[in-house]
Amino acid sequence: MKTGKTKEDRKKKWDNFWYYYKYHVLIGAFALFCIITFAKDMLEKVSYDYEIGFLGNYSMVEEDKRKIEEWFTENAKDLNKDGEVHVQINDYFIPSEGDKGYDPQMVMAGQTKFTVDVQSATSMVYFVSEKSYEKFKEMEVFPEDESQLIEVKNCKAFKELGSPASLQDMYITMRILPEVADNEKGEEAQKYYEESEKLVKKFIGE
């Protein structure tokens, strides 16, 4: 006499299990997927030593962005001591009404990203258009002393990079160092500012 379960019995058992526990299985699978995705993102996330803002009426050409990031990477210091130098250009496309490519939604998105950058002091160095400089220096983002606003086309690195078109009409400047209540974070911000300033001087050719 056969005592083993038939294929039909196993199917009924599985159908019964799935009927009562399918939502538990689906929720568990989704949770596992989220955990794996989060862990993967954290492992692959790059820790940038420097971030540099690009604030103009047009968006930066991707090839120019790559060249500029490479230049800063080669000339920068490993701030976070992870054995590598990583630099990222943050492109804030904020055209004025009437400019080519003006789109209210794009402007809002650019302004939001730029505001977060300013508040968190993510970028200490900025490539800015003259119009953007005038607009945001009144908000005490950039220094009022226009001698600190340097035309990029007159900088040594601009020529070394092959005169990238994206920087042709731009200026380079430091943002005003924000006050930080936390002493430890304040020291980190000060160090970040000083090392960023050294990079700007190299870029200019001083």
C-alpha atoms as a PDB file:
ATOM      1  CA  MET A   1       0.000   0.000   0.000  1.00  0.00           C
ATOM      2  CA  LYS A   2       1.327   3.430  -0.928  1.00  0.00           C
ATOM      3  CA  THR A   3       1.430   5.898   1.935  1.00  0.00           C
ATOM      4  CA  GLY A   4       3.191   8.769   0.141  1.00  0.00           C
ATOM      5  CA  LYS A   5       1.314  11.901  -0.786  1.00  0.00           C
ATOM      6  CA  THR A   6       0.144  12.154  -4.344  1.00  0.00           C
ATOM      7  CA  LYS A   7       0.822  15.097  -6.619  1.00  0.00           C
ATOM      8  CA  GLU A   8      -2.806  16.119  -6.166  1.00  0.00           C
ATOM      9  CA  ASP A   9      -2.433  16.145  -2.371  1.00  0.00           C
ATOM     10  CA  ARG A  10       0.664  18.336  -2.576  1.00  0.00           C
ATOM     11  CA  LYS A  11      -1.120  20.747  -4.922  1.00  0.00           C
ATOM     12  CA  LYS A  12      -4.074  21.023  -2.536  1.00  0.00           C
ATOM     13  CA  LYS A  13      -1.702  21.698   0.343  1.00  0.00           C
ATOM     14  CA  TRP A  14       0.096  24.380  -1.633  1.00  0.00           C
ATOM     15  CA  ASP A  15      -3.178  25.960  -2.739  1.00  0.00           C
ATOM     16  CA  ASN A  16      -4.332  26.019   0.860  1.00  0.00           C
ATOM     17  CA  PHE A  17      -1.067  27.583   2.041  1.00  0.00           C
ATOM     18  CA  TRP A  18      -1.154  30.208  -0.701  1.00  0.00           C
ATOM     19  CA  TYR A  19      -4.790  31.075   0.066  1.00  0.00           C
ATOM     20  CA  TYR A  20      -4.036  31.876   3.704  1.00  0.00           C
ATOM     21  CA  TYR A  21      -0.493  33.234   3.490  1.00  0.00           C
ATOM     22  CA  LYS A  22      -0.095  34.833   0.042  1.00  0.00           C
ATOM     23  CA  TYR A  23      -0.165  38.388   1.426  1.00  0.00           C
ATOM     24  CA  HIS A  24       2.429  37.515   4.062  1.00  0.00           C
ATOM     25  CA  VAL A  25       4.678  36.089   1.344  1.00  0.00           C
ATOM     26  CA  LEU A  26       4.197  39.072  -0.965  1.00  0.00           C
ATOM     27  CA  ILE A  27       4.827  41.608   1.814  1.00  0.00           C
ATOM     28  CA  GLY A  28       7.904  39.681   2.945  1.00  0.00           C
ATOM     29  CA  ALA A  29       9.249  39.518  -0.612  1.00  0.00           C
ATOM     30  CA  PHE A  30       8.686  43.249  -1.085  1.00  0.00           C
ATOM     31  CA  ALA A  31      10.408  44.038   2.219  1.00  0.00           C
ATOM     32  CA  LEU A  32      13.376  41.856   1.243  1.00  0.00           C
ATOM     33  CA  PHE A  33      13.572  43.596  -2.148  1.00  0.00           C
ATOM     34  CA  CYS A  34      13.618  47.017  -0.432  1.00  0.00           C
ATOM     35  CA  ILE A  35      16.364  45.927   1.984  1.00  0.00           C
ATOM     36  CA  ILE A  36      18.528  44.536  -0.820  1.00  0.00           C
ATOM     37  CA  THR A  37      18.011  47.678  -2.956  1.00  0.00           C
ATOM     38  CA  PHE A  38      18.827  49.983  -0.027  1.00  0.00           C
ATOM     39  CA  ALA A  39      21.952  48.001   0.872  1.00  0.00           C
ATOM     40  CA  LYS A  40      23.091  48.016  -2.768  1.00  0.00           C
ATOM     41  CA  ASP A  41      22.591  51.786  -3.019  1.00  0.00           C
ATOM     42  CA  MET A  42      24.523  52.382   0.196  1.00  0.00           C
ATOM     43  CA  LEU A  43      27.417  50.186  -0.935  1.00  0.00           C
ATOM     44  CA  GLU A  44      27.583  51.861  -4.344  1.00  0.00           C
ATOM     45  CA  LYS A  45      27.055  55.412  -3.045  1.00  0.00           C
ATOM     46  CA  VAL A  46      30.059  57.643  -3.702  1.00  0.00           C
ATOM     47  CA  SER A  47      31.306  59.827  -0.860  1.00  0.00           C
ATOM     48  CA  TYR A  48      32.319  63.095  -2.531  1.00  0.00           C
ATOM     49  CA  ASP A  49      35.250  65.076  -1.145  1.00  0.00           C
ATOM     50  CA  TYR A  50      34.155  68.202  -2.998  1.00  0.00           C
ATOM     51  CA  GLU A  51      30.996  69.334  -4.729  1.00  0.00           C
ATOM     52  CA  ILE A  52      31.021  72.343  -7.049  1.00  0.00           C
ATOM     53  CA  GLY A  53      27.998  74.365  -8.084  1.00  0.00           C
ATOM     54  CA  PHE A  54      27.272  75.459 -11.650  1.00  0.00           C
ATOM     55  CA  LEU A  55      24.706  78.259 -11.586  1.00  0.00           C
ATOM     56  CA  GLY A  56      23.790  79.733 -14.928  1.00  0.00           C
ATOM     57  CA  ASN A  57      21.154  80.422 -17.583  1.00  0.00           C
ATOM     58  CA  TYR A  58      21.970  77.179 -19.394  1.00  0.00           C
ATOM     59  CA  SER A  59      22.890  73.629 -18.504  1.00  0.00           C
ATOM     60  CA  MET A  60      26.481  72.379 -18.642  1.00  0.00           C
ATOM     61  CA  VAL A  61      27.540  70.212 -21.583  1.00  0.00           C
ATOM     62  CA  GLU A  62      28.162  66.671 -20.326  1.00  0.00           C
ATOM     63  CA  GLU A  63      31.638  66.423 -21.899  1.00  0.00           C
ATOM     64  CA  ASP A  64      32.667  69.720 -20.284  1.00  0.00           C
ATOM     65  CA  LYS A  65      31.323  68.509 -16.944  1.00  0.00           C
ATOM     66  CA  ARG A  66      33.423  65.355 -17.154  1.00  0.00           C
ATOM     67  CA  LYS A  67      36.594  67.295 -18.039  1.00  0.00           C
ATOM     68  CA  ILE A  68      36.110  69.782 -15.201  1.00  0.00           C
ATOM     69  CA  GLU A  69      35.427  67.042 -12.659  1.00  0.00           C
ATOM     70  CA  GLU A  70      38.604  65.269 -13.793  1.00  0.00           C
ATOM     71  CA  TRP A  71      40.670  68.444 -13.424  1.00  0.00           C
ATOM     72  CA  PHE A  72      39.440  69.091  -9.898  1.00  0.00           C
ATOM     73  CA  THR A  73      39.883  65.422  -8.967  1.00  0.00           C
ATOM     74  CA  GLU A  74      43.516  65.481 -10.110  1.00  0.00           C
ATOM     75  CA  ASN A  75      44.241  68.693  -8.186  1.00  0.00           C
ATOM     76  CA  ALA A  76      42.199  68.069  -5.034  1.00  0.00           C
ATOM     77  CA  LYS A  77      42.997  66.570  -1.646  1.00  0.00           C
ATOM     78  CA  ASP A  78      41.418  63.433  -0.159  1.00  0.00           C
ATOM     79  CA  LEU A  79      39.317  65.122   2.526  1.00  0.00           C
ATOM     80  CA  ASN A  80      37.448  62.118   3.870  1.00  0.00           C
ATOM     81  CA  LYS A  81      40.575  59.913   4.008  1.00  0.00           C
ATOM     82  CA  ASP A  82      39.029  57.017   2.076  1.00  0.00           C
ATOM     83  CA  GLY A  83      42.047  56.728  -0.209  1.00  0.00           C
ATOM     84  CA  GLU A  84      40.301  58.269  -3.227  1.00  0.00           C
ATOM     85  CA  VAL A  85      39.315  61.745  -4.405  1.00  0.00           C
ATOM     86  CA  HIS A  86      35.815  62.250  -5.753  1.00  0.00           C
ATOM     87  CA  VAL A  87      34.475  65.534  -7.139  1.00  0.00           C
ATOM     88  CA  GLN A  88      30.979  66.219  -8.423  1.00  0.00           C
ATOM     89  CA  ILE A  89      29.629  69.182 -10.391  1.00  0.00           C
ATOM     90  CA  ASN A  90      26.090  70.124  -9.339  1.00  0.00           C
ATOM     91  CA  ASP A  91      24.335  71.735 -12.310  1.00  0.00           C
ATOM     92  CA  TYR A  92      21.610  74.175 -11.207  1.00  0.00           C
ATOM     93  CA  PHE A  93      19.819  75.237 -14.382  1.00  0.00           C
ATOM     94  CA  ILE A  94      17.977  78.442 -13.413  1.00  0.00           C
ATOM     95  CA  PRO A  95      17.281  80.520 -16.535  1.00  0.00           C
ATOM     96  CA  SER A  96      15.405  83.808 -16.339  1.00  0.00           C
ATOM     97  CA  GLU A  97      12.096  84.349 -18.089  1.00  0.00           C
ATOM     98  CA  GLY A  98      12.798  84.996 -21.755  1.00  0.00           C
ATOM     99  CA  ASP A  99      16.022  82.953 -21.778  1.00  0.00           C
ATOM    100  CA  LYS A 100      16.337  80.010 -24.141  1.00  0.00           C
ATOM    101  CA  GLY A 101      15.001  76.832 -22.547  1.00  0.00           C
ATOM    102  CA  TYR A 102      13.016  78.678 -19.878  1.00  0.00           C
ATOM    103  CA  ASP A 103      10.487  76.395 -18.213  1.00  0.00           C
ATOM    104  CA  PRO A 104       8.815  77.332 -14.885  1.00  0.00           C
ATOM    105  CA  GLN A 105       8.976  73.741 -13.633  1.00  0.00           C
ATOM    106  CA  MET A 106      12.668  73.428 -14.531  1.00  0.00           C
ATOM    107  CA  VAL A 107      13.376  76.733 -12.807  1.00  0.00           C
ATOM    108  CA  MET A 108      11.531  75.626  -9.671  1.00  0.00           C
ATOM    109  CA  ALA A 109      13.456  72.327  -9.608  1.00  0.00           C
ATOM    110  CA  GLY A 110      16.789  74.135 -10.063  1.00  0.00           C
ATOM    111  CA  GLN A 111      16.012  76.687  -7.355  1.00  0.00           C
ATOM    112  CA  THR A 112      14.967  73.951  -4.930  1.00  0.00           C
ATOM    113  CA  LYS A 113      18.197  71.981  -5.464  1.00  0.00           C
ATOM    114  CA  PHE A 114      20.263  75.157  -5.197  1.00  0.00           C
ATOM    115  CA  THR A 115      18.510  76.177  -1.952  1.00  0.00           C
ATOM    116  CA  VAL A 116      19.263  72.781  -0.396  1.00  0.00           C
ATOM    117  CA  ASP A 117      22.911  73.142  -1.467  1.00  0.00           C
ATOM    118  CA  VAL A 118      23.147  76.619   0.088  1.00  0.00           C
ATOM    119  CA  GLN A 119      21.558  75.573   3.377  1.00  0.00           C
ATOM    120  CA  SER A 120      23.698  72.454   3.732  1.00  0.00           C
ATOM    121  CA  ALA A 121      26.911  74.125   2.469  1.00  0.00           C
ATOM    122  CA  THR A 122      27.375  71.268   0.011  1.00  0.00           C
ATOM    123  CA  SER A 123      29.272  73.374  -2.542  1.00  0.00           C
ATOM    124  CA  MET A 124      31.838  75.983  -1.524  1.00  0.00           C
ATOM    125  CA  VAL A 125      33.018  76.722  -5.083  1.00  0.00           C
ATOM    126  CA  TYR A 126      30.663  78.018  -7.749  1.00  0.00           C
ATOM    127  CA  PHE A 127      30.768  78.691 -11.445  1.00  0.00           C
ATOM    128  CA  VAL A 128      28.196  81.466 -11.854  1.00  0.00           C
ATOM    129  CA  SER A 129      26.843  83.680 -14.598  1.00  0.00           C
ATOM    130  CA  GLU A 130      26.971  87.419 -13.932  1.00  0.00           C
ATOM    131  CA  LYS A 131      23.174  87.522 -13.718  1.00  0.00           C
ATOM    132  CA  SER A 132      23.082  84.703 -11.145  1.00  0.00           C
ATOM    133  CA  TYR A 133      25.820  86.356  -9.093  1.00  0.00           C
ATOM    134  CA  GLU A 134      23.927  89.649  -8.926  1.00  0.00           C
ATOM    135  CA  LYS A 135      20.718  87.863  -8.002  1.00  0.00           C
ATOM    136  CA  PHE A 136      22.075  85.706  -5.189  1.00  0.00           C
ATOM    137  CA  LYS A 137      24.711  87.999  -3.651  1.00  0.00           C
ATOM    138  CA  GLU A 138      21.774  90.052  -2.328  1.00  0.00           C
ATOM    139  CA  MET A 139      20.715  86.913  -0.451  1.00  0.00           C
ATOM    140  CA  GLU A 140      24.222  86.803   1.086  1.00  0.00           C
ATOM    141  CA  VAL A 141      25.191  83.635  -0.747  1.00  0.00           C
ATOM    142  CA  PHE A 142      28.118  85.215  -2.620  1.00  0.00           C
ATOM    143  CA  PRO A 143      30.521  87.964  -1.469  1.00  0.00           C
ATOM    144  CA  GLU A 144      29.633  91.536  -2.415  1.00  0.00           C
ATOM    145  CA  ASP A 145      33.295  92.242  -3.217  1.00  0.00           C
ATOM    146  CA  GLU A 146      33.319  91.788  -7.006  1.00  0.00           C
ATOM    147  CA  SER A 147      37.114  91.368  -6.989  1.00  0.00           C
ATOM    148  CA  GLN A 148      36.387  87.829  -5.786  1.00  0.00           C
ATOM    149  CA  LEU A 149      34.418  87.158  -8.962  1.00  0.00           C
ATOM    150  CA  ILE A 150      36.945  85.913 -11.539  1.00  0.00           C
ATOM    151  CA  GLU A 151      36.238  85.447 -15.245  1.00  0.00           C
ATOM    152  CA  VAL A 152      36.817  81.775 -16.038  1.00  0.00           C
ATOM    153  CA  LYS A 153      38.154  82.504 -19.538  1.00  0.00           C
ATOM    154  CA  ASN A 154      41.075  84.306 -17.881  1.00  0.00           C
ATOM    155  CA  CYS A 155      41.937  81.339 -15.629  1.00  0.00           C
ATOM    156  CA  LYS A 156      44.912  79.067 -16.219  1.00  0.00           C
ATOM    157  CA  ALA A 157      42.850  75.868 -15.912  1.00  0.00           C
ATOM    158  CA  PHE A 158      40.356  77.080 -18.520  1.00  0.00           C
ATOM    159  CA  LYS A 159      43.111  76.996 -21.135  1.00  0.00           C
ATOM    160  CA  GLU A 160      44.420  73.652 -19.820  1.00  0.00           C
ATOM    161  CA  LEU A 161      40.946  72.191 -20.287  1.00  0.00           C
ATOM    162  CA  GLY A 162      40.798  73.328 -23.914  1.00  0.00           C
ATOM    163  CA  SER A 163      38.506  76.335 -23.283  1.00  0.00           C
ATOM    164  CA  PRO A 164      35.239  74.419 -22.603  1.00  0.00           C
ATOM    165  CA  ALA A 165      32.259  76.261 -24.077  1.00  0.00           C
ATOM    166  CA  SER A 166      30.153  75.753 -20.931  1.00  0.00           C
ATOM    167  CA  LEU A 167      32.549  78.004 -18.977  1.00  0.00           C
ATOM    168  CA  GLN A 168      33.167  80.613 -21.678  1.00  0.00           C
ATOM    169  CA  ASP A 169      30.892  83.271 -20.140  1.00  0.00           C
ATOM    170  CA  MET A 170      31.030  82.087 -16.535  1.00  0.00           C
ATOM    171  CA  TYR A 171      32.811  83.346 -13.433  1.00  0.00           C
ATOM    172  CA  ILE A 172      34.333  81.367 -10.567  1.00  0.00           C
ATOM    173  CA  THR A 173      33.897  82.416  -6.943  1.00  0.00           C
ATOM    174  CA  MET A 174      33.609  81.108  -3.394  1.00  0.00           C
ATOM    175  CA  ARG A 175      30.326  81.207  -1.548  1.00  0.00           C
ATOM    176  CA  ILE A 176      30.138  82.955   1.825  1.00  0.00           C
ATOM    177  CA  LEU A 177      30.995  80.471   4.573  1.00  0.00           C
ATOM    178  CA  PRO A 178      27.819  79.927   6.611  1.00  0.00           C
ATOM    179  CA  GLU A 179      27.834  80.010  10.401  1.00  0.00           C
ATOM    180  CA  VAL A 180      27.482  76.544  11.913  1.00  0.00           C
ATOM    181  CA  ALA A 181      26.222  76.209  15.493  1.00  0.00           C
ATOM    182  CA  ASP A 182      27.762  72.774  16.039  1.00  0.00           C
ATOM    183  CA  ASN A 183      31.489  73.265  16.802  1.00  0.00           C
ATOM    184  CA  GLU A 184      32.588  69.980  15.243  1.00  0.00           C
ATOM    185  CA  LYS A 185      30.583  70.568  12.073  1.00  0.00           C
ATOM    186  CA  GLY A 186      31.824  74.155  12.061  1.00  0.00           C
ATOM    187  CA  GLU A 187      35.438  72.959  12.046  1.00  0.00           C
ATOM    188  CA  GLU A 188      34.663  70.539   9.205  1.00  0.00           C
ATOM    189  CA  ALA A 189      32.984  73.309   7.197  1.00  0.00           C
ATOM    190  CA  GLN A 190      35.962  75.616   7.790  1.00  0.00           C
ATOM    191  CA  LYS A 191      38.419  72.950   6.615  1.00  0.00           C
ATOM    192  CA  TYR A 192      36.252  72.189   3.576  1.00  0.00           C
ATOM    193  CA  TYR A 193      36.113  75.917   2.761  1.00  0.00           C
ATOM    194  CA  GLU A 194      39.886  76.369   3.068  1.00  0.00           C
ATOM    195  CA  GLU A 195      40.698  73.359   0.877  1.00  0.00           C
ATOM    196  CA  SER A 196      38.112  74.501  -1.687  1.00  0.00           C
ATOM    197  CA  GLU A 197      39.701  77.947  -1.722  1.00  0.00           C
ATOM    198  CA  LYS A 198      43.089  76.373  -2.487  1.00  0.00           C
ATOM    199  CA  LEU A 199      41.494  74.606  -5.466  1.00  0.00           C
ATOM    200  CA  VAL A 200      40.069  77.887  -6.774  1.00  0.00           C
ATOM    201  CA  LYS A 201      43.511  79.502  -6.582  1.00  0.00           C
ATOM    202  CA  LYS A 202      45.005  76.576  -8.550  1.00  0.00           C
ATOM    203  CA  PHE A 203      42.216  76.901 -11.113  1.00  0.00           C
ATOM    204  CA  ILE A 204      42.866  80.628 -11.489  1.00  0.00           C
ATOM    205  CA  GLY A 205      46.630  80.097 -11.645  1.00  0.00           C
ATOM    206  CA  GLU A 206      47.745  82.017  -8.582  1.00  0.00           C
END
